Amino acid sequence: MNRVHLFYKEPPSIAHLNGWRSSPHCLEDRTAAERLRDATNLLSGRSATARRTWHIVDCPGDDCGVRR
């Protein structure tokens, strides 16, 4: 299994005129990324969940520099 990066984007709003992107997390695999996404959505509430677009992308390597 390959490590992946997980992050989300939000559309422009009054607080973030150009939209917003979360800091990525480097996780051990896609299953772990999906679990973190689902838990974050559960804790964030419906309005946050509705406006977020989640992205799971392949990690380029062991020393990618992204928070683990």
PDB file of N, CA and C in Angstrom:
ATOM      1  N   MET A   1       0.840  -1.181   0.000  1.00  0.00           N
ATOM      2  CA  MET A   1       0.000   0.000   0.000  1.00  0.00           C
ATOM      3  C   MET A   1       0.884   1.243   0.000  1.00  0.00           C
ATOM      4  N   ASN A   2       0.420   2.251  -0.670  1.00  0.00           N
ATOM      5  CA  ASN A   2       1.174   3.490  -0.796  1.00  0.00           C
ATOM      6  C   ASN A   2       0.628   4.566   0.129  1.00  0.00           C
ATOM      7  N   ARG A   3       1.531   5.394   0.637  1.00  0.00           N
ATOM      8  CA  ARG A   3       1.119   6.538   1.453  1.00  0.00           C
ATOM      9  C   ARG A   3       0.364   7.526   0.565  1.00  0.00           C
ATOM     10  N   VAL A   4      -0.539   8.279   1.183  1.00  0.00           N
ATOM     11  CA  VAL A   4      -1.323   9.279   0.463  1.00  0.00           C
ATOM     12  C   VAL A   4      -1.361  10.577   1.259  1.00  0.00           C
ATOM     13  N   HIS A   5      -1.680  11.655   0.556  1.00  0.00           N
ATOM     14  CA  HIS A   5      -1.899  12.950   1.194  1.00  0.00           C
ATOM     15  C   HIS A   5      -3.392  13.243   1.167  1.00  0.00           C
ATOM     16  N   LEU A   6      -3.899  13.770   2.256  1.00  0.00           N
ATOM     17  CA  LEU A   6      -5.308  14.133   2.380  1.00  0.00           C
ATOM     18  C   LEU A   6      -5.396  15.619   2.705  1.00  0.00           C
ATOM     19  N   PHE A   7      -6.240  16.332   1.965  1.00  0.00           N
ATOM     20  CA  PHE A   7      -6.529  17.740   2.262  1.00  0.00           C
ATOM     21  C   PHE A   7      -7.899  18.078   1.697  1.00  0.00           C
ATOM     22  N   TYR A   8      -8.435  19.220   2.113  1.00  0.00           N
ATOM     23  CA  TYR A   8      -9.704  19.655   1.545  1.00  0.00           C
ATOM     24  C   TYR A   8      -9.626  21.117   1.143  1.00  0.00           C
ATOM     25  N   LYS A   9     -10.521  21.484   0.237  1.00  0.00           N
ATOM     26  CA  LYS A   9     -10.640  22.869  -0.223  1.00  0.00           C
ATOM     27  C   LYS A   9     -12.048  23.354   0.097  1.00  0.00           C
ATOM     28  N   GLU A  10     -12.132  24.655   0.381  1.00  0.00           N
ATOM     29  CA  GLU A  10     -13.431  25.292   0.577  1.00  0.00           C
ATOM     30  C   GLU A  10     -13.559  26.432  -0.425  1.00  0.00           C
ATOM     31  N   PRO A  11     -14.778  26.712  -0.875  1.00  0.00           N
ATOM     32  CA  PRO A  11     -14.982  27.775  -1.863  1.00  0.00           C
ATOM     33  C   PRO A  11     -14.783  29.156  -1.235  1.00  0.00           C
ATOM     34  N   PRO A  12     -14.674  30.189  -2.079  1.00  0.00           N
ATOM     35  CA  PRO A  12     -14.553  31.553  -1.558  1.00  0.00           C
ATOM     36  C   PRO A  12     -15.714  31.910  -0.627  1.00  0.00           C
ATOM     37  N   SER A  13     -15.393  32.718   0.390  1.00  0.00           N
ATOM     38  CA  SER A  13     -16.397  33.185   1.343  1.00  0.00           C
ATOM     39  C   SER A  13     -15.977  34.579   1.805  1.00  0.00           C
ATOM     40  N   ILE A  14     -16.753  35.163   2.674  1.00  0.00           N
ATOM     41  CA  ILE A  14     -16.404  36.475   3.215  1.00  0.00           C
ATOM     42  C   ILE A  14     -15.083  36.394   3.981  1.00  0.00           C
ATOM     43  N   ALA A  15     -14.873  35.325   4.707  1.00  0.00           N
ATOM     44  CA  ALA A  15     -13.648  35.160   5.493  1.00  0.00           C
ATOM     45  C   ALA A  15     -12.435  34.829   4.620  1.00  0.00           C
ATOM     46  N   HIS A  16     -12.645  34.111   3.526  1.00  0.00           N
ATOM     47  CA  HIS A  16     -11.556  33.690   2.634  1.00  0.00           C
ATOM     48  C   HIS A  16     -11.985  33.978   1.196  1.00  0.00           C
ATOM     49  N   LEU A  17     -11.659  35.168   0.729  1.00  0.00           N
ATOM     50  CA  LEU A  17     -12.147  35.612  -0.577  1.00  0.00           C
ATOM     51  C   LEU A  17     -11.664  34.751  -1.740  1.00  0.00           C
ATOM     52  N   ASN A  18     -10.523  34.122  -1.607  1.00  0.00           N
ATOM     53  CA  ASN A  18      -9.995  33.267  -2.675  1.00  0.00           C
ATOM     54  C   ASN A  18     -10.183  31.787  -2.388  1.00  0.00           C
ATOM     55  N   GLY A  19     -11.028  31.473  -1.428  1.00  0.00           N
ATOM     56  CA  GLY A  19     -11.206  30.084  -1.025  1.00  0.00           C
ATOM     57  C   GLY A  19     -10.147  29.719   0.003  1.00  0.00           C
ATOM     58  N   TRP A  20     -10.131  28.462   0.387  1.00  0.00           N
ATOM     59  CA  TRP A  20      -9.207  28.032   1.435  1.00  0.00           C
ATOM     60  C   TRP A  20      -8.849  26.582   1.211  1.00  0.00           C
ATOM     61  N   ARG A  21      -7.590  26.226   1.531  1.00  0.00           N
ATOM     62  CA  ARG A  21      -7.127  24.841   1.437  1.00  0.00           C
ATOM     63  C   ARG A  21      -6.510  24.445   2.773  1.00  0.00           C
ATOM     64  N   SER A  22      -6.892  23.285   3.272  1.00  0.00           N
ATOM     65  CA  SER A  22      -6.346  22.808   4.533  1.00  0.00           C
ATOM     66  C   SER A  22      -4.892  22.363   4.351  1.00  0.00           C
ATOM     67  N   SER A  23      -4.192  22.257   5.451  1.00  0.00           N
ATOM     68  CA  SER A  23      -2.845  21.677   5.411  1.00  0.00           C
ATOM     69  C   SER A  23      -2.981  20.188   5.124  1.00  0.00           C
ATOM     70  N   PRO A  24      -2.118  19.645   4.271  1.00  0.00           N
ATOM     71  CA  PRO A  24      -2.227  18.213   3.974  1.00  0.00           C
ATOM     72  C   PRO A  24      -1.713  17.351   5.124  1.00  0.00           C
ATOM     73  N   HIS A  25      -2.217  16.146   5.191  1.00  0.00           N
ATOM     74  CA  HIS A  25      -1.748  15.121   6.123  1.00  0.00           C
ATOM     75  C   HIS A  25      -1.225  13.959   5.288  1.00  0.00           C
ATOM     76  N   CYS A  26      -0.084  13.402   5.671  1.00  0.00           N
ATOM     77  CA  CYS A  26       0.477  12.224   5.010  1.00  0.00           C
ATOM     78  C   CYS A  26       0.053  11.006   5.828  1.00  0.00           C
ATOM     79  N   LEU A  27      -0.697  10.120   5.201  1.00  0.00           N
ATOM     80  CA  LEU A  27      -1.258   8.956   5.895  1.00  0.00           C
ATOM     81  C   LEU A  27      -0.790   7.664   5.235  1.00  0.00           C
ATOM     82  N   GLU A  28      -0.874   6.572   6.001  1.00  0.00           N
ATOM     83  CA  GLU A  28      -0.302   5.306   5.550  1.00  0.00           C
ATOM     84  C   GLU A  28      -0.971   4.713   4.319  1.00  0.00           C
ATOM     85  N   ASP A  29      -2.265   4.963   4.121  1.00  0.00           N
ATOM     86  CA  ASP A  29      -2.940   4.439   2.935  1.00  0.00           C
ATOM     87  C   ASP A  29      -4.283   5.141   2.742  1.00  0.00           C
ATOM     88  N   ARG A  30      -4.936   4.799   1.650  1.00  0.00           N
ATOM     89  CA  ARG A  30      -6.206   5.430   1.297  1.00  0.00           C
ATOM     90  C   ARG A  30      -7.287   5.153   2.343  1.00  0.00           C
ATOM     91  N   THR A  31      -7.287   3.960   2.927  1.00  0.00           N
ATOM     92  CA  THR A  31      -8.278   3.624   3.948  1.00  0.00           C
ATOM     93  C   THR A  31      -8.150   4.548   5.153  1.00  0.00           C
ATOM     94  N   ALA A  32      -6.931   4.804   5.594  1.00  0.00           N
ATOM     95  CA  ALA A  32      -6.706   5.719   6.722  1.00  0.00           C
ATOM     96  C   ALA A  32      -7.154   7.132   6.358  1.00  0.00           C
ATOM     97  N   ALA A  33      -6.896   7.549   5.122  1.00  0.00           N
ATOM     98  CA  ALA A  33      -7.313   8.878   4.667  1.00  0.00           C
ATOM     99  C   ALA A  33      -8.842   8.994   4.660  1.00  0.00           C
ATOM    100  N   GLU A  34      -9.509   7.964   4.195  1.00  0.00           N
ATOM    101  CA  GLU A  34     -10.977   7.978   4.168  1.00  0.00           C
ATOM    102  C   GLU A  34     -11.558   7.998   5.577  1.00  0.00           C
ATOM    103  N   ARG A  35     -10.921   7.289   6.496  1.00  0.00           N
ATOM    104  CA  ARG A  35     -11.389   7.310   7.895  1.00  0.00           C
ATOM    105  C   ARG A  35     -11.235   8.695   8.511  1.00  0.00           C
ATOM    106  N   LEU A  36     -10.087   9.341   8.269  1.00  0.00           N
ATOM    107  CA  LEU A  36      -9.874  10.691   8.801  1.00  0.00           C
ATOM    108  C   LEU A  36     -10.855  11.672   8.173  1.00  0.00           C
ATOM    109  N   ARG A  37     -11.094  11.554   6.879  1.00  0.00           N
ATOM    110  CA  ARG A  37     -12.077  12.411   6.198  1.00  0.00           C
ATOM    111  C   ARG A  37     -13.459  12.233   6.814  1.00  0.00           C
ATOM    112  N   ASP A  38     -13.876  10.994   7.000  1.00  0.00           N
ATOM    113  CA  ASP A  38     -15.206  10.724   7.550  1.00  0.00           C
ATOM    114  C   ASP A  38     -15.340  11.225   8.984  1.00  0.00           C
ATOM    115  N   ALA A  39     -14.303  11.034   9.796  1.00  0.00           N
ATOM    116  CA  ALA A  39     -14.341  11.509  11.182  1.00  0.00           C
ATOM    117  C   ALA A  39     -14.384  13.034  11.232  1.00  0.00           C
ATOM    118  N   THR A  40     -13.612  13.682  10.371  1.00  0.00           N
ATOM    119  CA  THR A  40     -13.609  15.147  10.318  1.00  0.00           C
ATOM    120  C   THR A  40     -14.977  15.663   9.908  1.00  0.00           C
ATOM    121  N   ASN A  41     -15.588  15.033   8.908  1.00  0.00           N
ATOM    122  CA  ASN A  41     -16.929  15.438   8.482  1.00  0.00           C
ATOM    123  C   ASN A  41     -17.942  15.262   9.605  1.00  0.00           C
ATOM    124  N   LEU A  42     -17.850  14.166  10.322  1.00  0.00           N
ATOM    125  CA  LEU A  42     -18.779  13.904  11.425  1.00  0.00           C
ATOM    126  C   LEU A  42     -18.669  14.971  12.512  1.00  0.00           C
ATOM    127  N   LEU A  43     -17.453  15.363  12.842  1.00  0.00           N
ATOM    128  CA  LEU A  43     -17.239  16.360  13.899  1.00  0.00           C
ATOM    129  C   LEU A  43     -17.504  17.792  13.447  1.00  0.00           C
ATOM    130  N   SER A  44     -17.406  18.055  12.140  1.00  0.00           N
ATOM    131  CA  SER A  44     -17.508  19.426  11.632  1.00  0.00           C
ATOM    132  C   SER A  44     -18.937  19.908  11.428  1.00  0.00           C
ATOM    133  N   GLY A  45     -19.851  18.996  11.246  1.00  0.00           N
ATOM    134  CA  GLY A  45     -21.238  19.390  11.016  1.00  0.00           C
ATOM    135  C   GLY A  45     -21.588  19.448   9.543  1.00  0.00           C
ATOM    136  N   ARG A  46     -22.884  19.534   9.290  1.00  0.00           N
ATOM    137  CA  ARG A  46     -23.397  19.461   7.917  1.00  0.00           C
ATOM    138  C   ARG A  46     -22.950  20.603   7.030  1.00  0.00           C
ATOM    139  N   SER A  47     -22.950  21.830   7.542  1.00  0.00           N
ATOM    140  CA  SER A  47     -22.614  22.959   6.678  1.00  0.00           C
ATOM    141  C   SER A  47     -21.160  22.903   6.225  1.00  0.00           C
ATOM    142  N   ALA A  48     -20.247  22.533   7.128  1.00  0.00           N
ATOM    143  CA  ALA A  48     -18.838  22.398   6.741  1.00  0.00           C
ATOM    144  C   ALA A  48     -18.662  21.246   5.773  1.00  0.00           C
ATOM    145  N   THR A  49     -19.326  20.150   6.046  1.00  0.00           N
ATOM    146  CA  THR A  49     -19.227  18.976   5.184  1.00  0.00           C
ATOM    147  C   THR A  49     -19.719  19.294   3.774  1.00  0.00           C
ATOM    148  N   ALA A  50     -20.781  20.055   3.669  1.00  0.00           N
ATOM    149  CA  ALA A  50     -21.373  20.371   2.369  1.00  0.00           C
ATOM    150  C   ALA A  50     -20.471  21.251   1.508  1.00  0.00           C
ATOM    151  N   ARG A  51     -19.681  22.120   2.115  1.00  0.00           N
ATOM    152  CA  ARG A  51     -18.880  23.050   1.312  1.00  0.00           C
ATOM    153  C   ARG A  51     -17.465  22.544   1.031  1.00  0.00           C
ATOM    154  N   ARG A  52     -17.037  21.472   1.663  1.00  0.00           N
ATOM    155  CA  ARG A  52     -15.672  20.975   1.492  1.00  0.00           C
ATOM    156  C   ARG A  52     -15.569  19.992   0.329  1.00  0.00           C
ATOM    157  N   THR A  53     -14.488  20.121  -0.411  1.00  0.00           N
ATOM    158  CA  THR A  53     -14.142  19.176  -1.456  1.00  0.00           C
ATOM    159  C   THR A  53     -12.859  18.486  -1.021  1.00  0.00           C
ATOM    160  N   TRP A  54     -12.942  17.187  -0.773  1.00  0.00           N
ATOM    161  CA  TRP A  54     -11.794  16.427  -0.271  1.00  0.00           C
ATOM    162  C   TRP A  54     -10.957  15.895  -1.421  1.00  0.00           C
ATOM    163  N   HIS A  55      -9.639  15.815  -1.171  1.00  0.00           N
ATOM    164  CA  HIS A  55      -8.695  15.320  -2.166  1.00  0.00           C
ATOM    165  C   HIS A  55      -7.757  14.318  -1.495  1.00  0.00           C
ATOM    166  N   ILE A  56      -7.610  13.163  -2.109  1.00  0.00           N
ATOM    167  CA  ILE A  56      -6.657  12.145  -1.668  1.00  0.00           C
ATOM    168  C   ILE A  56      -5.734  11.902  -2.855  1.00  0.00           C
ATOM    169  N   VAL A  57      -4.451  12.207  -2.663  1.00  0.00           N
ATOM    170  CA  VAL A  57      -3.474  12.085  -3.747  1.00  0.00           C
ATOM    171  C   VAL A  57      -2.283  11.249  -3.270  1.00  0.00           C
ATOM    172  N   ASP A  58      -1.593  10.638  -4.197  1.00  0.00           N
ATOM    173  CA  ASP A  58      -0.424   9.822  -3.861  1.00  0.00           C
ATOM    174  C   ASP A  58       0.686  10.672  -3.251  1.00  0.00           C
ATOM    175  N   CYS A  59       1.367  10.113  -2.268  1.00  0.00           N
ATOM    176  CA  CYS A  59       2.529  10.745  -1.644  1.00  0.00           C
ATOM    177  C   CYS A  59       3.732  10.525  -2.561  1.00  0.00           C
ATOM    178  N   PRO A  60       4.558  11.570  -2.793  1.00  0.00           N
ATOM    179  CA  PRO A  60       5.699  11.410  -3.685  1.00  0.00           C
ATOM    180  C   PRO A  60       6.862  10.614  -3.092  1.00  0.00           C
ATOM    181  N   GLY A  61       6.888  10.405  -1.778  1.00  0.00           N
ATOM    182  CA  GLY A  61       7.984   9.646  -1.204  1.00  0.00           C
ATOM    183  C   GLY A  61       8.083   9.777   0.304  1.00  0.00           C
ATOM    184  N   ASP A  62       9.013   9.027   0.912  1.00  0.00           N
ATOM    185  CA  ASP A  62       9.139   8.987   2.367  1.00  0.00           C
ATOM    186  C   ASP A  62       9.464  10.327   3.002  1.00  0.00           C
ATOM    187  N   ASP A  63      10.237  11.151   2.346  1.00  0.00           N
ATOM    188  CA  ASP A  63      10.594  12.444   2.934  1.00  0.00           C
ATOM    189  C   ASP A  63       9.872  13.579   2.201  1.00  0.00           C
ATOM    190  N   CYS A  64       8.549  13.460   2.140  1.00  0.00           N
ATOM    191  CA  CYS A  64       7.727  14.412   1.396  1.00  0.00           C
ATOM    192  C   CYS A  64       7.605  15.763   2.088  1.00  0.00           C
ATOM    193  N   GLY A  65       7.861  15.808   3.405  1.00  0.00           N
ATOM    194  CA  GLY A  65       7.783  17.067   4.140  1.00  0.00           C
ATOM    195  C   GLY A  65       6.399  17.412   4.643  1.00  0.00           C
ATOM    196  N   VAL A  66       5.425  16.533   4.455  1.00  0.00           N
ATOM    197  CA  VAL A  66       4.068  16.774   4.909  1.00  0.00           C
ATOM    198  C   VAL A  66       3.881  16.162   6.293  1.00  0.00           C
ATOM    199  N   ARG A  67       3.096  16.840   7.116  1.00  0.00           N
ATOM    200  CA  ARG A  67       2.833  16.369   8.492  1.00  0.00           C
ATOM    201  C   ARG A  67       2.227  14.968   8.485  1.00  0.00           C
ATOM    202  N   ARG A  68       2.780  14.113   9.360  1.00  0.00           N
ATOM    203  CA  ARG A  68       2.273  12.736   9.465  1.00  0.00           C
ATOM    204  C   ARG A  68       1.548  12.551  10.763  1.00  0.00           C
TER     205      ARG A  68
END
